[in-house]
């Protein structure tokens, strides 16, 4: 059995294939950990955060979670 290792330059870029999944957004409350649904539309996640802080005025910190799909390709 042989192991072959060679140096290669790779590029990382957002996936652009037509069948690629859409970017997904989610907001998480950093006070209580509650979170919005994962959505393709950022405005839906942001509206959830506004609603959450409206119901919980001391919950003012949020974490945005973004799921973006990437593709690695060999650099030519």
PDB file of N, CA and C in Angstrom:
ATOM      1  N   UNK A   1       0.850  -1.170   0.000  1.00  0.00           N
ATOM      2  CA  UNK A   1       0.000   0.000   0.000  1.00  0.00           C
ATOM      3  C   UNK A   1       0.897   1.235   0.000  1.00  0.00           C
ATOM      4  N   UNK A   2       0.595   2.202  -0.855  1.00  0.00           N
ATOM      5  CA  UNK A   2       1.363   3.437  -0.956  1.00  0.00           C
ATOM      6  C   UNK A   2       0.474   4.636  -0.666  1.00  0.00           C
ATOM      7  N   UNK A   3       1.057   5.629  -0.040  1.00  0.00           N
ATOM      8  CA  UNK A   3       0.364   6.890   0.183  1.00  0.00           C
ATOM      9  C   UNK A   3       1.024   7.939  -0.681  1.00  0.00           C
ATOM     10  N   UNK A   4       0.223   8.621  -1.476  1.00  0.00           N
ATOM     11  CA  UNK A   4       0.748   9.675  -2.335  1.00  0.00           C
ATOM     12  C   UNK A   4       0.182  10.997  -1.838  1.00  0.00           C
ATOM     13  N   UNK A   5       1.081  11.908  -1.542  1.00  0.00           N
ATOM     14  CA  UNK A   5       0.677  13.234  -1.095  1.00  0.00           C
ATOM     15  C   UNK A   5       1.281  14.242  -2.051  1.00  0.00           C
ATOM     16  N   UNK A   6       0.468  15.104  -2.574  1.00  0.00           N
ATOM     17  CA  UNK A   6       0.992  16.162  -3.437  1.00  0.00           C
ATOM     18  C   UNK A   6       0.340  17.472  -3.034  1.00  0.00           C
ATOM     19  N   UNK A   7       1.074  18.529  -3.211  1.00  0.00           N
ATOM     20  CA  UNK A   7       0.549  19.857  -2.904  1.00  0.00           C
ATOM     21  C   UNK A   7      -0.382  20.285  -4.033  1.00  0.00           C
ATOM     22  N   UNK A   8      -1.511  20.845  -3.666  1.00  0.00           N
ATOM     23  CA  UNK A   8      -2.449  21.361  -4.669  1.00  0.00           C
ATOM     24  C   UNK A   8      -3.054  22.642  -4.121  1.00  0.00           C
ATOM     25  N   UNK A   9      -3.305  23.589  -4.996  1.00  0.00           N
ATOM     26  CA  UNK A   9      -3.977  24.827  -4.620  1.00  0.00           C
ATOM     27  C   UNK A   9      -5.471  24.675  -4.883  1.00  0.00           C
ATOM     28  N   UNK A  10      -6.250  24.965  -3.873  1.00  0.00           N
ATOM     29  CA  UNK A  10      -7.699  24.853  -3.958  1.00  0.00           C
ATOM     30  C   UNK A  10      -8.336  26.224  -3.826  1.00  0.00           C
ATOM     31  N   UNK A  11      -9.485  26.379  -4.445  1.00  0.00           N
ATOM     32  CA  UNK A  11     -10.297  27.588  -4.311  1.00  0.00           C
ATOM     33  C   UNK A  11     -11.604  27.203  -3.638  1.00  0.00           C
ATOM     34  N   UNK A  12     -12.099  28.077  -2.787  1.00  0.00           N
ATOM     35  CA  UNK A  12     -13.403  27.874  -2.165  1.00  0.00           C
ATOM     36  C   UNK A  12     -14.300  29.018  -2.623  1.00  0.00           C
ATOM     37  N   UNK A  13     -15.485  28.670  -3.105  1.00  0.00           N
ATOM     38  CA  UNK A  13     -16.420  29.696  -3.545  1.00  0.00           C
ATOM     39  C   UNK A  13     -17.840  29.220  -3.268  1.00  0.00           C
ATOM     40  N   UNK A  14     -18.761  30.169  -3.138  1.00  0.00           N
ATOM     41  CA  UNK A  14     -20.152  29.761  -2.916  1.00  0.00           C
ATOM     42  C   UNK A  14     -20.637  28.860  -4.049  1.00  0.00           C
ATOM     43  N   UNK A  15     -21.421  27.884  -3.698  1.00  0.00           N
ATOM     44  CA  UNK A  15     -21.974  26.954  -4.683  1.00  0.00           C
ATOM     45  C   UNK A  15     -22.933  27.710  -5.596  1.00  0.00           C
ATOM     46  N   UNK A  16     -22.743  27.590  -6.902  1.00  0.00           N
ATOM     47  CA  UNK A  16     -23.575  28.314  -7.864  1.00  0.00           C
ATOM     48  C   UNK A  16     -24.372  27.394  -8.786  1.00  0.00           C
ATOM     49  N   UNK A  17     -24.270  26.093  -8.596  1.00  0.00           N
ATOM     50  CA  UNK A  17     -25.015  25.165  -9.446  1.00  0.00           C
ATOM     51  C   UNK A  17     -26.513  25.431  -9.290  1.00  0.00           C
ATOM     52  N   UNK A  18     -27.259  25.299 -10.376  1.00  0.00           N
ATOM     53  CA  UNK A  18     -28.704  25.570 -10.298  1.00  0.00           C
ATOM     54  C   UNK A  18     -29.422  24.748  -9.229  1.00  0.00           C
ATOM     55  N   UNK A  19     -28.954  23.551  -8.972  1.00  0.00           N
ATOM     56  CA  UNK A  19     -29.602  22.680  -7.986  1.00  0.00           C
ATOM     57  C   UNK A  19     -29.072  22.901  -6.555  1.00  0.00           C
ATOM     58  N   UNK A  20     -28.182  23.857  -6.375  1.00  0.00           N
ATOM     59  CA  UNK A  20     -27.601  24.127  -5.049  1.00  0.00           C
ATOM     60  C   UNK A  20     -28.678  24.613  -4.087  1.00  0.00           C
ATOM     61  N   UNK A  21     -28.586  24.198  -2.836  1.00  0.00           N
ATOM     62  CA  UNK A  21     -29.549  24.696  -1.847  1.00  0.00           C
ATOM     63  C   UNK A  21     -29.410  26.204  -1.661  1.00  0.00           C
ATOM     64  N   UNK A  22     -30.499  26.837  -1.308  1.00  0.00           N
ATOM     65  CA  UNK A  22     -30.485  28.281  -1.043  1.00  0.00           C
ATOM     66  C   UNK A  22     -29.762  28.555   0.276  1.00  0.00           C
ATOM     67  N   UNK A  23     -29.325  29.790   0.447  1.00  0.00           N
ATOM     68  CA  UNK A  23     -28.757  30.221   1.723  1.00  0.00           C
ATOM     69  C   UNK A  23     -29.885  30.194   2.753  1.00  0.00           C
ATOM     70  N   UNK A  24     -29.577  29.712   3.955  1.00  0.00           N
ATOM     71  CA  UNK A  24     -30.571  29.582   5.025  1.00  0.00           C
ATOM     72  C   UNK A  24     -30.168  30.494   6.187  1.00  0.00           C
ATOM     73  N   UNK A  25     -31.129  31.212   6.744  1.00  0.00           N
ATOM     74  CA  UNK A  25     -30.892  32.145   7.852  1.00  0.00           C
ATOM     75  C   UNK A  25     -31.669  31.713   9.080  1.00  0.00           C
ATOM     76  N   UNK A  26     -31.051  31.974  10.248  1.00  0.00           N
ATOM     77  CA  UNK A  26     -31.700  31.683  11.522  1.00  0.00           C
ATOM     78  C   UNK A  26     -31.196  32.718  12.526  1.00  0.00           C
ATOM     79  N   UNK A  27     -32.043  33.109  13.452  1.00  0.00           N
ATOM     80  CA  UNK A  27     -31.646  34.014  14.535  1.00  0.00           C
ATOM     81  C   UNK A  27     -31.814  33.274  15.855  1.00  0.00           C
ATOM     82  N   UNK A  28     -30.826  33.439  16.755  1.00  0.00           N
ATOM     83  CA  UNK A  28     -30.873  32.813  18.070  1.00  0.00           C
ATOM     84  C   UNK A  28     -30.756  33.890  19.138  1.00  0.00           C
ATOM     85  N   UNK A  29     -31.574  33.806  20.153  1.00  0.00           N
ATOM     86  CA  UNK A  29     -31.496  34.713  21.296  1.00  0.00           C
ATOM     87  C   UNK A  29     -30.313  34.276  22.151  1.00  0.00           C
ATOM     88  N   UNK A  30     -29.391  35.200  22.433  1.00  0.00           N
ATOM     89  CA  UNK A  30     -28.228  34.849  23.254  1.00  0.00           C
ATOM     90  C   UNK A  30     -28.538  34.878  24.743  1.00  0.00           C
ATOM     91  N   UNK A  31     -29.732  35.322  25.113  1.00  0.00           N
ATOM     92  CA  UNK A  31     -30.134  35.322  26.517  1.00  0.00           C
ATOM     93  C   UNK A  31     -30.745  33.985  26.920  1.00  0.00           C
ATOM     94  N   UNK A  32     -31.716  33.512  26.134  1.00  0.00           N
ATOM     95  CA  UNK A  32     -32.432  32.292  26.509  1.00  0.00           C
ATOM     96  C   UNK A  32     -32.177  31.106  25.586  1.00  0.00           C
ATOM     97  N   UNK A  33     -31.555  31.356  24.435  1.00  0.00           N
ATOM     98  CA  UNK A  33     -31.261  30.264  23.512  1.00  0.00           C
ATOM     99  C   UNK A  33     -32.378  29.928  22.549  1.00  0.00           C
ATOM    100  N   UNK A  34     -33.528  30.579  22.698  1.00  0.00           N
ATOM    101  CA  UNK A  34     -34.630  30.336  21.770  1.00  0.00           C
ATOM    102  C   UNK A  34     -34.193  30.766  20.374  1.00  0.00           C
ATOM    103  N   UNK A  35     -34.753  30.144  19.344  1.00  0.00           N
ATOM    104  CA  UNK A  35     -34.314  30.437  17.981  1.00  0.00           C
ATOM    105  C   UNK A  35     -35.478  30.434  17.006  1.00  0.00           C
ATOM    106  N   UNK A  36     -35.291  31.183  15.942  1.00  0.00           N
ATOM    107  CA  UNK A  36     -36.269  31.203  14.860  1.00  0.00           C
ATOM    108  C   UNK A  36     -36.171  29.896  14.075  1.00  0.00           C
ATOM    109  N   UNK A  37     -37.106  29.699  13.200  1.00  0.00           N
ATOM    110  CA  UNK A  37     -36.992  28.605  12.239  1.00  0.00           C
ATOM    111  C   UNK A  37     -35.912  28.962  11.238  1.00  0.00           C
ATOM    112  N   UNK A  38     -35.288  27.968  10.645  1.00  0.00           N
ATOM    113  CA  UNK A  38     -34.329  28.203   9.566  1.00  0.00           C
ATOM    114  C   UNK A  38     -35.132  28.553   8.312  1.00  0.00           C
ATOM    115  N   UNK A  39     -34.808  29.698   7.701  1.00  0.00           N
ATOM    116  CA  UNK A  39     -35.595  30.223   6.578  1.00  0.00           C
ATOM    117  C   UNK A  39     -34.697  30.691   5.441  1.00  0.00           C
ATOM    118  N   UNK A  40     -35.180  30.593   4.224  1.00  0.00           N
ATOM    119  CA  UNK A  40     -34.449  31.137   3.080  1.00  0.00           C
ATOM    120  C   UNK A  40     -34.537  32.657   3.033  1.00  0.00           C
ATOM    121  N   UNK A  41     -35.569  33.217   3.625  1.00  0.00           N
ATOM    122  CA  UNK A  41     -35.792  34.662   3.615  1.00  0.00           C
ATOM    123  C   UNK A  41     -35.300  35.256   4.935  1.00  0.00           C
ATOM    124  N   UNK A  42     -34.239  36.075   4.886  1.00  0.00           N
ATOM    125  CA  UNK A  42     -33.680  36.675   6.091  1.00  0.00           C
ATOM    126  C   UNK A  42     -34.721  37.483   6.844  1.00  0.00           C
ATOM    127  N   UNK A  43     -35.622  38.147   6.129  1.00  0.00           N
ATOM    128  CA  UNK A  43     -36.625  38.993   6.793  1.00  0.00           C
ATOM    129  C   UNK A  43     -37.506  38.202   7.745  1.00  0.00           C
ATOM    130  N   UNK A  44     -37.772  36.947   7.445  1.00  0.00           N
ATOM    131  CA  UNK A  44     -38.584  36.109   8.338  1.00  0.00           C
ATOM    132  C   UNK A  44     -37.831  35.892   9.648  1.00  0.00           C
ATOM    133  N   UNK A  45     -36.532  35.587   9.573  1.00  0.00           N
ATOM    134  CA  UNK A  45     -35.724  35.389  10.779  1.00  0.00           C
ATOM    135  C   UNK A  45     -35.596  36.692  11.569  1.00  0.00           C
ATOM    136  N   UNK A  46     -35.415  37.799  10.874  1.00  0.00           N
ATOM    137  CA  UNK A  46     -35.285  39.089  11.554  1.00  0.00           C
ATOM    138  C   UNK A  46     -36.600  39.483  12.231  1.00  0.00           C
ATOM    139  N   UNK A  47     -37.710  39.245  11.580  1.00  0.00           N
ATOM    140  CA  UNK A  47     -39.014  39.536  12.180  1.00  0.00           C
ATOM    141  C   UNK A  47     -39.207  38.715  13.449  1.00  0.00           C
ATOM    142  N   UNK A  48     -38.744  37.461  13.427  1.00  0.00           N
ATOM    143  CA  UNK A  48     -38.824  36.640  14.634  1.00  0.00           C
ATOM    144  C   UNK A  48     -38.068  37.326  15.780  1.00  0.00           C
ATOM    145  N   UNK A  49     -36.858  37.840  15.488  1.00  0.00           N
ATOM    146  CA  UNK A  49     -36.050  38.503  16.524  1.00  0.00           C
ATOM    147  C   UNK A  49     -36.780  39.732  17.076  1.00  0.00           C
ATOM    148  N   UNK A  50     -37.390  40.534  16.209  1.00  0.00           N
ATOM    149  CA  UNK A  50     -38.150  41.701  16.680  1.00  0.00           C
ATOM    150  C   UNK A  50     -39.320  41.274  17.563  1.00  0.00           C
ATOM    151  N   UNK A  51     -40.012  40.232  17.176  1.00  0.00           N
ATOM    152  CA  UNK A  51     -41.137  39.723  17.963  1.00  0.00           C
ATOM    153  C   UNK A  51     -40.643  39.205  19.312  1.00  0.00           C
ATOM    154  N   UNK A  52     -39.525  38.484  19.293  1.00  0.00           N
ATOM    155  CA  UNK A  52     -38.972  37.924  20.528  1.00  0.00           C
ATOM    156  C   UNK A  52     -38.568  39.021  21.510  1.00  0.00           C
ATOM    157  N   UNK A  53     -37.860  40.039  21.041  1.00  0.00           N
ATOM    158  CA  UNK A  53     -37.453  41.123  21.945  1.00  0.00           C
ATOM    159  C   UNK A  53     -38.671  41.929  22.408  1.00  0.00           C
ATOM    160  N   UNK A  54     -39.687  42.026  21.560  1.00  0.00           N
ATOM    161  CA  UNK A  54     -40.914  42.711  21.967  1.00  0.00           C
ATOM    162  C   UNK A  54     -41.607  42.005  23.124  1.00  0.00           C
ATOM    163  N   UNK A  55     -41.540  40.678  23.127  1.00  0.00           N
ATOM    164  CA  UNK A  55     -42.160  39.888  24.202  1.00  0.00           C
ATOM    165  C   UNK A  55     -41.241  39.742  25.416  1.00  0.00           C
ATOM    166  N   UNK A  56     -39.933  39.929  25.193  1.00  0.00           N
ATOM    167  CA  UNK A  56     -38.920  39.752  26.237  1.00  0.00           C
ATOM    168  C   UNK A  56     -37.942  40.928  26.177  1.00  0.00           C
ATOM    169  N   UNK A  57     -38.322  42.102  26.684  1.00  0.00           N
ATOM    170  CA  UNK A  57     -37.512  43.316  26.507  1.00  0.00           C
ATOM    171  C   UNK A  57     -36.065  43.232  27.007  1.00  0.00           C
ATOM    172  N   UNK A  58     -35.771  42.305  27.898  1.00  0.00           N
ATOM    173  CA  UNK A  58     -34.385  42.183  28.368  1.00  0.00           C
ATOM    174  C   UNK A  58     -33.537  41.267  27.469  1.00  0.00           C
ATOM    175  N   UNK A  59     -34.157  40.647  26.473  1.00  0.00           N
ATOM    176  CA  UNK A  59     -33.449  39.750  25.551  1.00  0.00           C
ATOM    177  C   UNK A  59     -33.034  40.550  24.307  1.00  0.00           C
ATOM    178  N   UNK A  60     -31.941  41.262  24.419  1.00  0.00           N
ATOM    179  CA  UNK A  60     -31.549  42.178  23.343  1.00  0.00           C
ATOM    180  C   UNK A  60     -30.404  41.670  22.477  1.00  0.00           C
ATOM    181  N   UNK A  61     -29.826  40.533  22.808  1.00  0.00           N
ATOM    182  CA  UNK A  61     -28.709  40.003  22.023  1.00  0.00           C
ATOM    183  C   UNK A  61     -29.148  38.835  21.159  1.00  0.00           C
ATOM    184  N   UNK A  62     -28.677  38.836  19.911  1.00  0.00           N
ATOM    185  CA  UNK A  62     -29.038  37.772  18.978  1.00  0.00           C
ATOM    186  C   UNK A  62     -27.817  37.333  18.191  1.00  0.00           C
ATOM    187  N   UNK A  63     -27.813  36.082  17.805  1.00  0.00           N
ATOM    188  CA  UNK A  63     -26.765  35.510  16.967  1.00  0.00           C
ATOM    189  C   UNK A  63     -27.403  35.117  15.640  1.00  0.00           C
ATOM    190  N   UNK A  64     -26.807  35.575  14.559  1.00  0.00           N
ATOM    191  CA  UNK A  64     -27.280  35.163  13.237  1.00  0.00           C
ATOM    192  C   UNK A  64     -26.541  33.890  12.848  1.00  0.00           C
ATOM    193  N   UNK A  65     -27.283  32.889  12.396  1.00  0.00           N
ATOM    194  CA  UNK A  65     -26.701  31.650  11.899  1.00  0.00           C
ATOM    195  C   UNK A  65     -27.028  31.584  10.413  1.00  0.00           C
ATOM    196  N   UNK A  66     -25.985  31.461   9.601  1.00  0.00           N
ATOM    197  CA  UNK A  66     -26.165  31.404   8.152  1.00  0.00           C
ATOM    198  C   UNK A  66     -25.610  30.078   7.649  1.00  0.00           C
ATOM    199  N   UNK A  67     -26.403  29.384   6.871  1.00  0.00           N
ATOM    200  CA  UNK A  67     -25.963  28.152   6.226  1.00  0.00           C
ATOM    201  C   UNK A  67     -25.809  28.476   4.741  1.00  0.00           C
ATOM    202  N   UNK A  68     -24.570  28.580   4.317  1.00  0.00           N
ATOM    203  CA  UNK A  68     -24.269  28.886   2.916  1.00  0.00           C
ATOM    204  C   UNK A  68     -23.447  27.724   2.385  1.00  0.00           C
ATOM    205  N   UNK A  69     -23.774  27.236   1.237  1.00  0.00           N
ATOM    206  CA  UNK A  69     -23.122  26.061   0.682  1.00  0.00           C
ATOM    207  C   UNK A  69     -21.974  26.483  -0.232  1.00  0.00           C
ATOM    208  N   UNK A  70     -20.841  25.812  -0.084  1.00  0.00           N
ATOM    209  CA  UNK A  70     -19.599  26.171  -0.780  1.00  0.00           C
ATOM    210  C   UNK A  70     -19.115  24.986  -1.607  1.00  0.00           C
ATOM    211  N   UNK A  71     -18.271  25.287  -2.568  1.00  0.00           N
ATOM    212  CA  UNK A  71     -17.678  24.276  -3.431  1.00  0.00           C
ATOM    213  C   UNK A  71     -16.169  24.490  -3.469  1.00  0.00           C
ATOM    214  N   UNK A  72     -15.413  23.407  -3.305  1.00  0.00           N
ATOM    215  CA  UNK A  72     -13.958  23.450  -3.442  1.00  0.00           C
ATOM    216  C   UNK A  72     -13.598  22.978  -4.842  1.00  0.00           C
ATOM    217  N   UNK A  73     -12.731  23.705  -5.520  1.00  0.00           N
ATOM    218  CA  UNK A  73     -12.257  23.326  -6.839  1.00  0.00           C
ATOM    219  C   UNK A  73     -10.742  23.501  -6.906  1.00  0.00           C
ATOM    220  N   UNK A  74     -10.118  22.649  -7.685  1.00  0.00           N
ATOM    221  CA  UNK A  74      -8.689  22.789  -7.879  1.00  0.00           C
ATOM    222  C   UNK A  74      -8.384  24.049  -8.677  1.00  0.00           C
ATOM    223  N   UNK A  75      -7.414  24.796  -8.210  1.00  0.00           N
ATOM    224  CA  UNK A  75      -6.984  26.008  -8.925  1.00  0.00           C
ATOM    225  C   UNK A  75      -6.212  25.584 -10.161  1.00  0.00           C
ATOM    226  N   UNK A  76      -6.554  26.184 -11.310  1.00  0.00           N
ATOM    227  CA  UNK A  76      -5.848  25.798 -12.541  1.00  0.00           C
ATOM    228  C   UNK A  76      -4.591  26.600 -12.742  1.00  0.00           C
TER     229      UNK A  76
END
